[in-house]
């Protein structure tokens, strides 16, 4: 018997996982009664939202840019 996986694959799977995680963190922030926990859940949720919006193309991998010189001289890894 062949089993067909219903899980999204590739980039869609990653974005789906990020969306679920962000929603779970937002729910935890609303439910939590501890102020520092609310701040932590909100910060992580915001960070994951930025990662979701600015996700890099997975086909080519992440691109590394470095500025290790003074006055914005590009002498580092590219």
C-alpha atoms as a PDB file:
ATOM      1  CA  UNK A   1       0.000   0.000   0.000  1.00  0.00           C
ATOM      2  CA  UNK A   2       1.302   3.399  -0.940  1.00  0.00           C
ATOM      3  CA  UNK A   3       0.930   6.099   1.648  1.00  0.00           C
ATOM      4  CA  UNK A   4       0.471   9.643   0.505  1.00  0.00           C
ATOM      5  CA  UNK A   5       1.806  12.203   2.922  1.00  0.00           C
ATOM      6  CA  UNK A   6      -0.432  15.201   3.394  1.00  0.00           C
ATOM      7  CA  UNK A   7       2.366  17.316   4.829  1.00  0.00           C
ATOM      8  CA  UNK A   8       3.525  20.169   2.609  1.00  0.00           C
ATOM      9  CA  UNK A   9       7.087  19.788   1.419  1.00  0.00           C
ATOM     10  CA  UNK A  10       9.887  22.257   0.837  1.00  0.00           C
ATOM     11  CA  UNK A  11       9.344  25.943   1.332  1.00  0.00           C
ATOM     12  CA  UNK A  12       5.589  25.600   1.759  1.00  0.00           C
ATOM     13  CA  UNK A  13       6.153  23.202   4.648  1.00  0.00           C
ATOM     14  CA  UNK A  14       8.544  25.606   6.352  1.00  0.00           C
ATOM     15  CA  UNK A  15       6.164  28.544   5.938  1.00  0.00           C
ATOM     16  CA  UNK A  16       3.271  26.447   7.205  1.00  0.00           C
ATOM     17  CA  UNK A  17       5.288  25.457  10.279  1.00  0.00           C
ATOM     18  CA  UNK A  18       6.246  29.080  10.901  1.00  0.00           C
ATOM     19  CA  UNK A  19       2.608  30.155  10.666  1.00  0.00           C
ATOM     20  CA  UNK A  20       1.505  27.491  13.152  1.00  0.00           C
ATOM     21  CA  UNK A  21       4.313  28.400  15.552  1.00  0.00           C
ATOM     22  CA  UNK A  22       3.537  32.116  15.335  1.00  0.00           C
ATOM     23  CA  UNK A  23      -0.152  31.467  16.047  1.00  0.00           C
ATOM     24  CA  UNK A  24       0.741  29.241  19.015  1.00  0.00           C
ATOM     25  CA  UNK A  25       3.026  31.926  20.448  1.00  0.00           C
ATOM     26  CA  UNK A  26       0.332  34.584  20.019  1.00  0.00           C
ATOM     27  CA  UNK A  27      -2.143  32.345  21.835  1.00  0.00           C
ATOM     28  CA  UNK A  28       0.373  31.673  24.629  1.00  0.00           C
ATOM     29  CA  UNK A  29       0.941  35.425  24.953  1.00  0.00           C
ATOM     30  CA  UNK A  30      -2.791  36.037  25.355  1.00  0.00           C
ATOM     31  CA  UNK A  31      -3.279  33.216  27.866  1.00  0.00           C
ATOM     32  CA  UNK A  32      -0.200  33.919  29.978  1.00  0.00           C
ATOM     33  CA  UNK A  33      -0.742  35.905  33.137  1.00  0.00           C
ATOM     34  CA  UNK A  34       2.926  36.604  33.740  1.00  0.00           C
ATOM     35  CA  UNK A  35       4.142  39.889  32.257  1.00  0.00           C
ATOM     36  CA  UNK A  36       7.724  38.779  31.418  1.00  0.00           C
ATOM     37  CA  UNK A  37       6.338  35.679  29.678  1.00  0.00           C
ATOM     38  CA  UNK A  38       3.993  37.839  27.596  1.00  0.00           C
ATOM     39  CA  UNK A  39       6.945  39.970  26.523  1.00  0.00           C
ATOM     40  CA  UNK A  40       9.004  36.891  25.640  1.00  0.00           C
ATOM     41  CA  UNK A  41       6.195  35.294  23.625  1.00  0.00           C
ATOM     42  CA  UNK A  42       5.553  38.565  21.808  1.00  0.00           C
ATOM     43  CA  UNK A  43       9.233  39.077  20.988  1.00  0.00           C
ATOM     44  CA  UNK A  44       9.699  35.559  19.629  1.00  0.00           C
ATOM     45  CA  UNK A  45       6.491  35.842  17.630  1.00  0.00           C
ATOM     46  CA  UNK A  46       7.653  39.124  16.096  1.00  0.00           C
ATOM     47  CA  UNK A  47      11.052  37.638  15.259  1.00  0.00           C
ATOM     48  CA  UNK A  48       9.485  34.622  13.563  1.00  0.00           C
ATOM     49  CA  UNK A  49       7.190  36.930  11.606  1.00  0.00           C
ATOM     50  CA  UNK A  50      10.239  38.777  10.283  1.00  0.00           C
ATOM     51  CA  UNK A  51      11.835  35.457   9.341  1.00  0.00           C
ATOM     52  CA  UNK A  52       8.638  34.410   7.561  1.00  0.00           C
ATOM     53  CA  UNK A  53       8.332  37.658   5.612  1.00  0.00           C
ATOM     54  CA  UNK A  54      11.994  37.853   4.695  1.00  0.00           C
ATOM     55  CA  UNK A  55      12.669  34.186   3.992  1.00  0.00           C
ATOM     56  CA  UNK A  56      15.471  33.561   1.552  1.00  0.00           C
ATOM     57  CA  UNK A  57      15.111  31.352  -1.511  1.00  0.00           C
ATOM     58  CA  UNK A  58      15.921  27.797  -0.438  1.00  0.00           C
ATOM     59  CA  UNK A  59      17.161  26.779  -3.880  1.00  0.00           C
ATOM     60  CA  UNK A  60      20.339  28.857  -3.740  1.00  0.00           C
ATOM     61  CA  UNK A  61      20.852  28.817   0.038  1.00  0.00           C
ATOM     62  CA  UNK A  62      21.608  31.782   2.254  1.00  0.00           C
ATOM     63  CA  UNK A  63      23.857  34.490   0.933  1.00  0.00           C
ATOM     64  CA  UNK A  64      26.531  35.789   3.285  1.00  0.00           C
ATOM     65  CA  UNK A  65      27.626  39.422   3.167  1.00  0.00           C
ATOM     66  CA  UNK A  66      30.227  40.841   5.452  1.00  0.00           C
ATOM     67  CA  UNK A  67      31.630  44.276   6.229  1.00  0.00           C
ATOM     68  CA  UNK A  68      34.716  43.846   8.322  1.00  0.00           C
ATOM     69  CA  UNK A  69      36.589  46.968   7.203  1.00  0.00           C
ATOM     70  CA  UNK A  70      36.341  50.551   8.330  1.00  0.00           C
ATOM     71  CA  UNK A  71      34.108  53.082   6.594  1.00  0.00           C
ATOM     72  CA  UNK A  72      31.974  50.290   5.118  1.00  0.00           C
ATOM     73  CA  UNK A  73      34.837  48.765   3.118  1.00  0.00           C
ATOM     74  CA  UNK A  74      33.723  45.383   1.870  1.00  0.00           C
ATOM     75  CA  UNK A  75      36.723  43.226   2.628  1.00  0.00           C
ATOM     76  CA  UNK A  76      34.940  40.280   4.260  1.00  0.00           C
ATOM     77  CA  UNK A  77      33.165  37.177   3.024  1.00  0.00           C
ATOM     78  CA  UNK A  78      30.755  37.655   0.122  1.00  0.00           C
END
